[in-house]
PDB file of N, CA and C in Angstrom:
ATOM      1  N   MET A   1     108.613 133.424 -39.780  1.00  0.00           N
ATOM      2  CA  MET A   1     108.047 132.833 -38.587  1.00  0.00           C
ATOM      3  C   MET A   1     108.251 131.321 -38.685  1.00  0.00           C
ATOM      4  N   ASN A   2     108.843 130.762 -37.652  1.00  0.00           N
ATOM      5  CA  ASN A   2     109.080 129.325 -37.687  1.00  0.00           C
ATOM      6  C   ASN A   2     107.885 128.566 -37.108  1.00  0.00           C
ATOM      7  N   LEU A   3     107.966 127.276 -37.127  1.00  0.00           N
ATOM      8  CA  LEU A   3     106.848 126.421 -36.739  1.00  0.00           C
ATOM      9  C   LEU A   3     106.499 126.554 -35.257  1.00  0.00           C
ATOM     10  N   THR A   4     107.507 126.638 -34.404  1.00  0.00           N
ATOM     11  CA  THR A   4     107.222 126.719 -32.968  1.00  0.00           C
ATOM     12  C   THR A   4     106.540 128.034 -32.606  1.00  0.00           C
ATOM     13  N   THR A   5     106.942 129.118 -33.223  1.00  0.00           N
ATOM     14  CA  THR A   5     106.298 130.408 -32.958  1.00  0.00           C
ATOM     15  C   THR A   5     104.853 130.395 -33.437  1.00  0.00           C
ATOM     16  N   ALA A   6     104.632 129.840 -34.617  1.00  0.00           N
ATOM     17  CA  ALA A   6     103.271 129.759 -35.144  1.00  0.00           C
ATOM     18  C   ALA A   6     102.399 128.871 -34.266  1.00  0.00           C
ATOM     19  N   LEU A   7     102.939 127.756 -33.798  1.00  0.00           N
ATOM     20  CA  LEU A   7     102.188 126.864 -32.930  1.00  0.00           C
ATOM     21  C   LEU A   7     101.879 127.518 -31.591  1.00  0.00           C
ATOM     22  N   ALA A   8     102.841 128.238 -31.039  1.00  0.00           N
ATOM     23  CA  ALA A   8     102.619 128.929 -29.772  1.00  0.00           C
ATOM     24  C   ALA A   8     101.533 129.992 -29.917  1.00  0.00           C
ATOM     25  N   ARG A   9     101.578 130.741 -30.983  1.00  0.00           N
ATOM     26  CA  ARG A   9     100.545 131.757 -31.210  1.00  0.00           C
ATOM     27  C   ARG A   9      99.175 131.130 -31.411  1.00  0.00           C
ATOM     28  N   PHE A  10      99.136 129.997 -32.086  1.00  0.00           N
ATOM     29  CA  PHE A  10      97.867 129.319 -32.354  1.00  0.00           C
ATOM     30  C   PHE A  10      97.250 128.760 -31.071  1.00  0.00           C
ATOM     31  N   LEU A  11      98.085 128.277 -30.146  1.00  0.00           N
ATOM     32  CA  LEU A  11      97.580 127.654 -28.932  1.00  0.00           C
ATOM     33  C   LEU A  11      97.382 128.645 -27.782  1.00  0.00           C
ATOM     34  N   ILE A  12      98.256 129.611 -27.632  1.00  0.00           N
ATOM     35  CA  ILE A  12      98.213 130.516 -26.479  1.00  0.00           C
ATOM     36  C   ILE A  12      97.216 131.636 -26.678  1.00  0.00           C
ATOM     37  N   PHE A  13      97.178 132.265 -27.820  1.00  0.00           N
ATOM     38  CA  PHE A  13      96.327 133.433 -28.011  1.00  0.00           C
ATOM     39  C   PHE A  13      94.848 133.133 -27.806  1.00  0.00           C
ATOM     40  N   PRO A  14      94.296 132.066 -28.393  1.00  0.00           N
ATOM     41  CA  PRO A  14      92.874 131.772 -28.122  1.00  0.00           C
ATOM     42  C   PRO A  14      92.614 131.469 -26.649  1.00  0.00           C
ATOM     43  N   GLY A  15      93.582 130.855 -25.980  1.00  0.00           N
ATOM     44  CA  GLY A  15      93.432 130.569 -24.554  1.00  0.00           C
ATOM     45  C   GLY A  15      93.344 131.841 -23.732  1.00  0.00           C
ATOM     46  N   LEU A  16      94.123 132.840 -24.102  1.00  0.00           N
ATOM     47  CA  LEU A  16      94.062 134.121 -23.393  1.00  0.00           C
ATOM     48  C   LEU A  16      92.722 134.804 -23.617  1.00  0.00           C
ATOM     49  N   LEU A  17      92.221 134.724 -24.846  1.00  0.00           N
ATOM     50  CA  LEU A  17      90.918 135.322 -25.132  1.00  0.00           C
ATOM     51  C   LEU A  17      89.800 134.611 -24.376  1.00  0.00           C
ATOM     52  N   ARG A  18      89.867 133.290 -24.345  1.00  0.00           N
ATOM     53  CA  ARG A  18      88.840 132.537 -23.628  1.00  0.00           C
ATOM     54  C   ARG A  18      88.908 132.813 -22.133  1.00  0.00           C
ATOM     55  N   GLY A  19      90.113 132.925 -21.596  1.00  0.00           N
ATOM     56  CA  GLY A  19      90.264 133.217 -20.170  1.00  0.00           C
ATOM     57  C   GLY A  19      89.703 134.583 -19.810  1.00  0.00           C
ATOM     58  N   ALA A  20      89.977 135.582 -20.644  1.00  0.00           N
ATOM     59  CA  ALA A  20      89.440 136.919 -20.394  1.00  0.00           C
ATOM     60  C   ALA A  20      87.924 136.932 -20.540  1.00  0.00           C
ATOM     61  N   GLY A  21      87.410 136.204 -21.510  1.00  0.00           N
ATOM     62  CA  GLY A  21      85.963 136.130 -21.690  1.00  0.00           C
ATOM     63  C   GLY A  21      85.287 135.418 -20.528  1.00  0.00           C
ATOM     64  N   ALA A  22      85.904 134.346 -20.046  1.00  0.00           N
ATOM     65  CA  ALA A  22      85.341 133.618 -18.905  1.00  0.00           C
ATOM     66  C   ALA A  22      85.352 134.480 -17.658  1.00  0.00           C
ATOM     67  N   TRP A  23      86.433 135.253 -17.457  1.00  0.00           N
ATOM     68  CA  TRP A  23      86.526 136.146 -16.303  1.00  0.00           C
ATOM     69  C   TRP A  23      85.394 137.176 -16.367  1.00  0.00           C
ATOM     70  N   PHE A  24      85.179 137.760 -17.532  1.00  0.00           N
ATOM     71  CA  PHE A  24      84.139 138.769 -17.686  1.00  0.00           C
ATOM     72  C   PHE A  24      82.745 138.171 -17.467  1.00  0.00           C
ATOM     73  N   LEU A  25      82.496 136.986 -18.032  1.00  0.00           N
ATOM     74  CA  LEU A  25      81.182 136.358 -17.878  1.00  0.00           C
ATOM     75  C   LEU A  25      80.921 135.933 -16.434  1.00  0.00           C
ATOM     76  N   LEU A  26      81.955 135.509 -15.733  1.00  0.00           N
ATOM     77  CA  LEU A  26      81.791 135.173 -14.320  1.00  0.00           C
ATOM     78  C   LEU A  26      81.415 136.407 -13.515  1.00  0.00           C
ATOM     79  N   TRP A  27      82.062 137.525 -13.813  1.00  0.00           N
ATOM     80  CA  TRP A  27      81.737 138.775 -13.118  1.00  0.00           C
ATOM     81  C   TRP A  27      80.303 139.216 -13.435  1.00  0.00           C
ATOM     82  N   VAL A  28      79.899 139.114 -14.701  1.00  0.00           N
ATOM     83  CA  VAL A  28      78.537 139.499 -15.083  1.00  0.00           C
ATOM     84  C   VAL A  28      77.521 138.617 -14.370  1.00  0.00           C
ATOM     85  N   GLU A  29      77.789 137.321 -14.295  1.00  0.00           N
ATOM     86  CA  GLU A  29      76.857 136.411 -13.628  1.00  0.00           C
ATOM     87  C   GLU A  29      76.724 136.759 -12.146  1.00  0.00           C
ATOM     88  N   ARG A  30      77.841 136.978 -11.478  1.00  0.00           N
ATOM     89  CA  ARG A  30      77.792 137.336 -10.057  1.00  0.00           C
ATOM     90  C   ARG A  30      77.082 138.663  -9.842  1.00  0.00           C
ATOM     91  N   LYS A  31      77.338 139.613 -10.717  1.00  0.00           N
ATOM     92  CA  LYS A  31      76.709 140.922 -10.596  1.00  0.00           C
ATOM     93  C   LYS A  31      75.198 140.810 -10.800  1.00  0.00           C
ATOM     94  N   ALA A  32      74.766 140.028 -11.787  1.00  0.00           N
ATOM     95  CA  ALA A  32      73.338 139.868 -12.066  1.00  0.00           C
ATOM     96  C   ALA A  32      72.627 139.175 -10.906  1.00  0.00           C
ATOM     97  N   VAL A  33      73.239 138.144 -10.358  1.00  0.00           N
ATOM     98  CA  VAL A  33      72.633 137.445  -9.229  1.00  0.00           C
ATOM     99  C   VAL A  33      72.529 138.382  -8.027  1.00  0.00           C
ATOM    100  N   ALA A  34      73.551 139.172  -7.793  1.00  0.00           N
ATOM    101  CA  ALA A  34      73.515 140.110  -6.672  1.00  0.00           C
ATOM    102  C   ALA A  34      72.426 141.159  -6.875  1.00  0.00           C
ATOM    103  N   LEU A  35      72.272 141.665  -8.085  1.00  0.00           N
ATOM    104  CA  LEU A  35      71.231 142.659  -8.333  1.00  0.00           C
ATOM    105  C   LEU A  35      69.841 142.057  -8.186  1.00  0.00           C
ATOM    106  N   MET A  36      69.659 140.792  -8.578  1.00  0.00           N
ATOM    107  CA  MET A  36      68.366 140.141  -8.406  1.00  0.00           C
ATOM    108  C   MET A  36      68.040 139.947  -6.926  1.00  0.00           C
ATOM    109  N   GLN A  37      69.068 139.822  -6.099  1.00  0.00           N
ATOM    110  CA  GLN A  37      68.865 139.631  -4.673  1.00  0.00           C
ATOM    111  C   GLN A  37      68.863 140.955  -3.910  1.00  0.00           C
ATOM    112  N   GLY A  38      68.966 142.057  -4.627  1.00  0.00           N
ATOM    113  CA  GLY A  38      68.926 143.367  -3.998  1.00  0.00           C
ATOM    114  C   GLY A  38      70.235 143.793  -3.358  1.00  0.00           C
ATOM    115  N   ARG A  39      71.338 143.201  -3.791  1.00  0.00           N
ATOM    116  CA  ARG A  39      72.654 143.572  -3.268  1.00  0.00           C
ATOM    117  C   ARG A  39      73.419 144.357  -4.335  1.00  0.00           C
ATOM    118  N   ILE A  40      74.559 144.894  -3.960  1.00  0.00           N
ATOM    119  CA  ILE A  40      75.369 145.680  -4.900  1.00  0.00           C
ATOM    120  C   ILE A  40      76.128 144.775  -5.861  1.00  0.00           C
ATOM    121  N   GLY A  41      76.735 143.730  -5.338  1.00  0.00           N
ATOM    122  CA  GLY A  41      77.490 142.819  -6.178  1.00  0.00           C
ATOM    123  C   GLY A  41      78.985 143.029  -6.038  1.00  0.00           C
ATOM    124  N   PRO A  42      79.775 142.118  -6.620  1.00  0.00           N
ATOM    125  CA  PRO A  42      81.229 142.171  -6.458  1.00  0.00           C
ATOM    126  C   PRO A  42      81.864 143.230  -7.351  1.00  0.00           C
ATOM    127  N   PRO A  43      83.050 143.708  -6.949  1.00  0.00           N
ATOM    128  CA  PRO A  43      83.788 144.599  -7.853  1.00  0.00           C
ATOM    129  C   PRO A  43      84.305 143.819  -9.066  1.00  0.00           C
ATOM    130  N   PHE A  44      84.731 144.528 -10.076  1.00  0.00           N
ATOM    131  CA  PHE A  44      85.147 143.905 -11.333  1.00  0.00           C
ATOM    132  C   PHE A  44      86.320 142.952 -11.147  1.00  0.00           C
ATOM    133  N   MET A  45      87.231 143.259 -10.238  1.00  0.00           N
ATOM    134  CA  MET A  45      88.431 142.449 -10.058  1.00  0.00           C
ATOM    135  C   MET A  45      88.209 141.251  -9.132  1.00  0.00           C
ATOM    136  N   GLN A  46      86.998 141.009  -8.648  1.00  0.00           N
ATOM    137  CA  GLN A  46      86.759 139.947  -7.682  1.00  0.00           C
ATOM    138  C   GLN A  46      87.152 138.555  -8.182  1.00  0.00           C
ATOM    139  N   PRO A  47      86.865 138.151  -9.429  1.00  0.00           N
ATOM    140  CA  PRO A  47      87.332 136.823  -9.872  1.00  0.00           C
ATOM    141  C   PRO A  47      88.855 136.686  -9.816  1.00  0.00           C
ATOM    142  N   PHE A  48      89.577 137.753 -10.111  1.00  0.00           N
ATOM    143  CA  PHE A  48      91.036 137.727 -10.023  1.00  0.00           C
ATOM    144  C   PHE A  48      91.477 137.551  -8.573  1.00  0.00           C
ATOM    145  N   PHE A  49      90.852 138.283  -7.649  1.00  0.00           N
ATOM    146  CA  PHE A  49      91.192 138.168  -6.236  1.00  0.00           C
ATOM    147  C   PHE A  49      90.879 136.762  -5.717  1.00  0.00           C
ATOM    148  N   ASP A  50      89.778 136.178  -6.171  1.00  0.00           N
ATOM    149  CA  ASP A  50      89.433 134.819  -5.767  1.00  0.00           C
ATOM    150  C   ASP A  50      90.471 133.818  -6.267  1.00  0.00           C
ATOM    151  N   PHE A  51      90.963 134.022  -7.476  1.00  0.00           N
ATOM    152  CA  PHE A  51      91.978 133.135  -8.036  1.00  0.00           C
ATOM    153  C   PHE A  51      93.282 133.235  -7.246  1.00  0.00           C
ATOM    154  N   ILE A  52      93.693 134.444  -6.901  1.00  0.00           N
ATOM    155  CA  ILE A  52      94.912 134.633  -6.109  1.00  0.00           C
ATOM    156  C   ILE A  52      94.752 133.984  -4.738  1.00  0.00           C
ATOM    157  N   LYS A  53      93.575 134.121  -4.129  1.00  0.00           N
ATOM    158  CA  LYS A  53      93.315 133.491  -2.838  1.00  0.00           C
ATOM    159  C   LYS A  53      93.387 131.972  -2.952  1.00  0.00           C
ATOM    160  N   LEU A  54      92.860 131.418  -4.037  1.00  0.00           N
ATOM    161  CA  LEU A  54      92.899 129.978  -4.255  1.00  0.00           C
ATOM    162  C   LEU A  54      94.336 129.478  -4.392  1.00  0.00           C
ATOM    163  N   LEU A  55      95.197 130.248  -5.062  1.00  0.00           N
ATOM    164  CA  LEU A  55      96.594 129.841  -5.212  1.00  0.00           C
ATOM    165  C   LEU A  55      97.319 129.788  -3.873  1.00  0.00           C
ATOM    166  N   GLY A  56      96.898 130.625  -2.926  1.00  0.00           N
ATOM    167  CA  GLY A  56      97.560 130.678  -1.633  1.00  0.00           C
ATOM    168  C   GLY A  56      97.096 129.626  -0.646  1.00  0.00           C
ATOM    169  N   LYS A  57      96.043 128.901  -0.962  1.00  0.00           N
ATOM    170  CA  LYS A  57      95.519 127.901  -0.035  1.00  0.00           C
ATOM    171  C   LYS A  57      96.346 126.623  -0.096  1.00  0.00           C
ATOM    172  N   ASP A  58      96.426 125.944   1.058  1.00  0.00           N
ATOM    173  CA  ASP A  58      97.107 124.667   1.106  1.00  0.00           C
ATOM    174  C   ASP A  58      96.161 123.564   0.639  1.00  0.00           C
ATOM    175  N   SER A  59      96.733 122.578   0.019  1.00  0.00           N
ATOM    176  CA  SER A  59      95.902 121.451  -0.391  1.00  0.00           C
ATOM    177  C   SER A  59      95.727 120.526   0.800  1.00  0.00           C
ATOM    178  N   ALA A  60      94.574 119.916   0.891  1.00  0.00           N
ATOM    179  CA  ALA A  60      94.280 119.004   1.980  1.00  0.00           C
ATOM    180  C   ALA A  60      94.833 117.631   1.645  1.00  0.00           C
ATOM    181  N   ALA A  61      95.591 117.079   2.558  1.00  0.00           N
ATOM    182  CA  ALA A  61      96.127 115.723   2.389  1.00  0.00           C
ATOM    183  C   ALA A  61      95.396 114.832   3.388  1.00  0.00           C
ATOM    184  N   TRP A  62      94.436 114.094   2.914  1.00  0.00           N
ATOM    185  CA  TRP A  62      93.588 113.293   3.776  1.00  0.00           C
ATOM    186  C   TRP A  62      94.277 111.974   4.134  1.00  0.00           C
ATOM    187  N   GLY A  63      94.203 111.620   5.392  1.00  0.00           N
ATOM    188  CA  GLY A  63      94.706 110.336   5.833  1.00  0.00           C
ATOM    189  C   GLY A  63      96.191 110.304   6.130  1.00  0.00           C
ATOM    190  N   LEU A  64      96.882 111.426   5.986  1.00  0.00           N
ATOM    191  CA  LEU A  64      98.304 111.453   6.290  1.00  0.00           C
ATOM    192  C   LEU A  64      98.503 111.912   7.735  1.00  0.00           C
ATOM    193  N   PRO A  65      99.444 111.304   8.449  1.00  0.00           N
ATOM    194  CA  PRO A  65      99.660 111.720   9.833  1.00  0.00           C
ATOM    195  C   PRO A  65     100.241 113.131   9.897  1.00  0.00           C
ATOM    196  N   GLY A  66      99.822 113.860  10.900  1.00  0.00           N
ATOM    197  CA  GLY A  66     100.335 115.217  11.094  1.00  0.00           C
ATOM    198  C   GLY A  66      99.569 116.281  10.341  1.00  0.00           C
ATOM    199  N   CYS A  67      98.463 115.951   9.703  1.00  0.00           N
ATOM    200  CA  CYS A  67      97.685 116.930   8.968  1.00  0.00           C
ATOM    201  C   CYS A  67      96.531 117.434   9.780  1.00  0.00           C
TER     202      CYS A  67
END
């Protein structure tokens, strides 16, 4: 294993674990809040769907003509 492969594994793998953990904790938080309010709550894939929706949005360019 060379240095670049070891560095990539060291930097990317923990990031993937943290991202999956954050996704799960966000879903748990939304589900808990919904249950406290007497609602059903979001499906498990909702944070992923929200992220895809965010990628499709246009950025706002303030103060530019034609916007």
